[in-house]
Every structure is written in structure tokens, then in C-alpha cells.
């Protein structure tokens, strides 16, 4: 027998192929919506960032804190000054110390 002729399928094989085509079409028709509804899985998302730290509440009484800083700077200036400001340096340092003490007490007792 001729080898070319042997490769041609018999009539029964064509019948089987005719049944496979509609079955394959039906399978594709059913699978296509599932594939379209579930596209490629998204790549793993980046790990969630750490939550931002809680915002720091604004400082209470910023003017009092500024006054304390100014008083401390003035005291330091008076303590290291080359002259005694007409005899008032010692009394000014005492008044600054008392003002600092009073402002610190105000802040200590402010509980609201």
C-alpha cells in the first residue's frame, strides 16, 4: 500500500472529528466568560506601610514656653555681662528667677 494513502484517516475518524469540533466550541464558550471575569491575578501588593505615628498635639501654651526660653537667655546674658547695669543686675536676675518659677508652676498646674 502507498504510504501517503495510509496517512489519510478513514471515514470514521472524520466522524469523530466532527463531534469534537462542536464539543470544543461549547467548552470554549463556557470557559471564555470565566477567563474574562477572572483576569490575570494581580501581583502581590507591596506590604502595607506602617501606619503613620499619631500626630503630636500642638504644644500647650507656646507663648509661655517662649517666655521661659527668653527669660533663661536674658538671665544667662546678665550673668555673663561685663558690667552690673547700674547696680540692677542682681535684682534683675532675682526677678527673672522668680518669673521662671511662677511660669513653671503655671504649666505644672495646667491639667486641661
C-alpha atoms as a PDB file:
ATOM      1  CA  UNK A   1       0.000   0.000   0.000  1.00  0.00           C
ATOM      2  CA  UNK A   2       1.078   3.533  -0.693  1.00  0.00           C
ATOM      3  CA  UNK A   3       2.397   5.338   2.467  1.00  0.00           C
ATOM      4  CA  UNK A   4       0.631   8.604   1.546  1.00  0.00           C
ATOM      5  CA  UNK A   5      -2.712   6.881   1.398  1.00  0.00           C
ATOM      6  CA  UNK A   6      -2.154   5.249   4.785  1.00  0.00           C
ATOM      7  CA  UNK A   7      -1.840   8.695   6.417  1.00  0.00           C
ATOM      8  CA  UNK A   8      -5.282   9.785   5.275  1.00  0.00           C
ATOM      9  CA  UNK A   9      -7.748   8.901   8.057  1.00  0.00           C
ATOM     10  CA  UNK A  10     -10.632   6.642   7.432  1.00  0.00           C
ATOM     11  CA  UNK A  11     -14.200   7.908   7.194  1.00  0.00           C
ATOM     12  CA  UNK A  12     -14.842   7.052  10.883  1.00  0.00           C
ATOM     13  CA  UNK A  13     -12.059   9.385  12.056  1.00  0.00           C
ATOM     14  CA  UNK A  14     -13.732  12.293  10.225  1.00  0.00           C
ATOM     15  CA  UNK A  15     -16.962  11.498  12.034  1.00  0.00           C
ATOM     16  CA  UNK A  16     -15.185  11.631  15.410  1.00  0.00           C
ATOM     17  CA  UNK A  17     -13.593  14.969  14.491  1.00  0.00           C
ATOM     18  CA  UNK A  18     -16.992  16.372  13.522  1.00  0.00           C
ATOM     19  CA  UNK A  19     -18.222  15.605  17.003  1.00  0.00           C
ATOM     20  CA  UNK A  20     -15.146  17.073  18.673  1.00  0.00           C
ATOM     21  CA  UNK A  21     -15.449  20.463  16.984  1.00  0.00           C
ATOM     22  CA  UNK A  22     -18.850  21.334  18.492  1.00  0.00           C
ATOM     23  CA  UNK A  23     -17.752  19.937  21.859  1.00  0.00           C
ATOM     24  CA  UNK A  24     -14.599  22.071  21.757  1.00  0.00           C
ATOM     25  CA  UNK A  25     -16.642  25.121  20.741  1.00  0.00           C
ATOM     26  CA  UNK A  26     -19.039  24.549  23.613  1.00  0.00           C
ATOM     27  CA  UNK A  27     -16.135  24.161  26.040  1.00  0.00           C
ATOM     28  CA  UNK A  28     -14.556  27.424  24.831  1.00  0.00           C
ATOM     29  CA  UNK A  29     -17.898  29.217  25.013  1.00  0.00           C
ATOM     30  CA  UNK A  30     -18.307  28.158  28.624  1.00  0.00           C
ATOM     31  CA  UNK A  31     -14.697  28.868  29.607  1.00  0.00           C
ATOM     32  CA  UNK A  32     -14.395  32.302  27.968  1.00  0.00           C
ATOM     33  CA  UNK A  33     -16.676  34.177  30.444  1.00  0.00           C
ATOM     34  CA  UNK A  34     -14.841  32.640  33.375  1.00  0.00           C
ATOM     35  CA  UNK A  35     -11.493  33.734  31.966  1.00  0.00           C
ATOM     36  CA  UNK A  36     -12.815  37.222  31.181  1.00  0.00           C
ATOM     37  CA  UNK A  37     -14.313  37.583  34.663  1.00  0.00           C
ATOM     38  CA  UNK A  38     -11.078  36.500  36.345  1.00  0.00           C
ATOM     39  CA  UNK A  39      -8.251  38.292  34.572  1.00  0.00           C
ATOM     40  CA  UNK A  40      -4.653  37.598  35.464  1.00  0.00           C
ATOM     41  CA  UNK A  41      -4.190  37.642  39.186  1.00  0.00           C
ATOM     42  CA  UNK A  42      -2.658  40.883  40.333  1.00  0.00           C
ATOM     43  CA  UNK A  43       0.892  40.631  41.540  1.00  0.00           C
ATOM     44  CA  UNK A  44       1.285  40.520  45.287  1.00  0.00           C
ATOM     45  CA  UNK A  45       0.685  44.004  46.592  1.00  0.00           C
ATOM     46  CA  UNK A  46       3.501  45.723  48.379  1.00  0.00           C
ATOM     47  CA  UNK A  47       3.420  45.138  52.106  1.00  0.00           C
ATOM     48  CA  UNK A  48       1.276  47.670  53.855  1.00  0.00           C
ATOM     49  CA  UNK A  49       3.237  50.623  55.085  1.00  0.00           C
ATOM     50  CA  UNK A  50       3.468  51.159  58.787  1.00  0.00           C
ATOM     51  CA  UNK A  51       0.722  53.412  59.954  1.00  0.00           C
ATOM     52  CA  UNK A  52       1.840  56.957  60.452  1.00  0.00           C
ATOM     53  CA  UNK A  53       2.549  57.822  64.036  1.00  0.00           C
ATOM     54  CA  UNK A  54      -0.239  59.644  65.775  1.00  0.00           C
ATOM     55  CA  UNK A  55       0.056  63.361  65.187  1.00  0.00           C
ATOM     56  CA  UNK A  56       1.706  65.207  68.006  1.00  0.00           C
ATOM     57  CA  UNK A  57      -0.786  67.561  69.580  1.00  0.00           C
ATOM     58  CA  UNK A  58       0.233  71.182  69.428  1.00  0.00           C
ATOM     59  CA  UNK A  59       2.220  72.366  72.388  1.00  0.00           C
ATOM     60  CA  UNK A  60       0.073  73.856  75.120  1.00  0.00           C
ATOM     61  CA  UNK A  61       0.728  77.495  75.839  1.00  0.00           C
ATOM     62  CA  UNK A  62       3.511  78.125  73.299  1.00  0.00           C
ATOM     63  CA  UNK A  63       3.806  81.754  74.430  1.00  0.00           C
ATOM     64  CA  UNK A  64       4.650  80.690  77.992  1.00  0.00           C
ATOM     65  CA  UNK A  65       7.308  78.294  76.696  1.00  0.00           C
ATOM     66  CA  UNK A  66       8.760  81.082  74.553  1.00  0.00           C
ATOM     67  CA  UNK A  67       8.750  83.421  77.561  1.00  0.00           C
ATOM     68  CA  UNK A  68      10.616  80.831  79.636  1.00  0.00           C
ATOM     69  CA  UNK A  69      13.228  80.467  76.921  1.00  0.00           C
ATOM     70  CA  UNK A  70      13.606  84.254  76.643  1.00  0.00           C
ATOM     71  CA  UNK A  71      13.905  84.651  80.410  1.00  0.00           C
ATOM     72  CA  UNK A  72      16.589  81.956  80.594  1.00  0.00           C
ATOM     73  CA  UNK A  73      18.516  83.638  77.761  1.00  0.00           C
ATOM     74  CA  UNK A  74      18.230  87.039  79.473  1.00  0.00           C
ATOM     75  CA  UNK A  75      19.427  85.567  82.778  1.00  0.00           C
ATOM     76  CA  UNK A  76      22.410  83.964  81.071  1.00  0.00           C
ATOM     77  CA  UNK A  77      23.232  87.295  79.378  1.00  0.00           C
ATOM     78  CA  UNK A  78      23.038  89.181  82.688  1.00  0.00           C
ATOM     79  CA  UNK A  79      25.159  86.579  84.496  1.00  0.00           C
ATOM     80  CA  UNK A  80      27.940  86.881  81.900  1.00  0.00           C
ATOM     81  CA  UNK A  81      27.718  90.632  81.317  1.00  0.00           C
ATOM     82  CA  UNK A  82      30.827  92.744  81.802  1.00  0.00           C
ATOM     83  CA  UNK A  83      29.033  95.403  83.898  1.00  0.00           C
ATOM     84  CA  UNK A  84      26.316  95.468  86.545  1.00  0.00           C
ATOM     85  CA  UNK A  85      23.762  97.644  84.715  1.00  0.00           C
ATOM     86  CA  UNK A  86      23.939 100.453  87.278  1.00  0.00           C
ATOM     87  CA  UNK A  87      23.507  98.080  90.199  1.00  0.00           C
ATOM     88  CA  UNK A  88      20.348  96.473  88.828  1.00  0.00           C
ATOM     89  CA  UNK A  89      21.839  93.192  87.565  1.00  0.00           C
ATOM     90  CA  UNK A  90      21.465  91.250  90.821  1.00  0.00           C
ATOM     91  CA  UNK A  91      17.853  92.353  91.324  1.00  0.00           C
ATOM     92  CA  UNK A  92      17.035  91.602  87.653  1.00  0.00           C
ATOM     93  CA  UNK A  93      18.428  88.058  87.987  1.00  0.00           C
ATOM     94  CA  UNK A  94      16.339  87.538  91.142  1.00  0.00           C
ATOM     95  CA  UNK A  95      13.218  88.794  89.331  1.00  0.00           C
ATOM     96  CA  UNK A  96      13.949  86.512  86.362  1.00  0.00           C
ATOM     97  CA  UNK A  97      14.347  83.515  88.676  1.00  0.00           C
ATOM     98  CA  UNK A  98      11.010  84.330  90.325  1.00  0.00           C
ATOM     99  CA  UNK A  99       9.287  84.787  86.937  1.00  0.00           C
ATOM    100  CA  UNK A 100      10.667  81.439  85.705  1.00  0.00           C
ATOM    101  CA  UNK A 101       9.472  79.742  88.889  1.00  0.00           C
ATOM    102  CA  UNK A 102       5.984  81.219  88.564  1.00  0.00           C
ATOM    103  CA  UNK A 103       5.645  80.257  84.881  1.00  0.00           C
ATOM    104  CA  UNK A 104       6.802  76.694  85.587  1.00  0.00           C
ATOM    105  CA  UNK A 105       4.180  76.461  88.358  1.00  0.00           C
ATOM    106  CA  UNK A 106       1.516  77.693  85.931  1.00  0.00           C
ATOM    107  CA  UNK A 107       2.417  74.951  83.468  1.00  0.00           C
ATOM    108  CA  UNK A 108       2.599  72.319  86.224  1.00  0.00           C
ATOM    109  CA  UNK A 109      -0.934  73.080  87.415  1.00  0.00           C
ATOM    110  CA  UNK A 110      -2.480  73.357  83.967  1.00  0.00           C
ATOM    111  CA  UNK A 111      -4.191  69.969  83.629  1.00  0.00           C
ATOM    112  CA  UNK A 112      -6.812  70.743  80.957  1.00  0.00           C
END
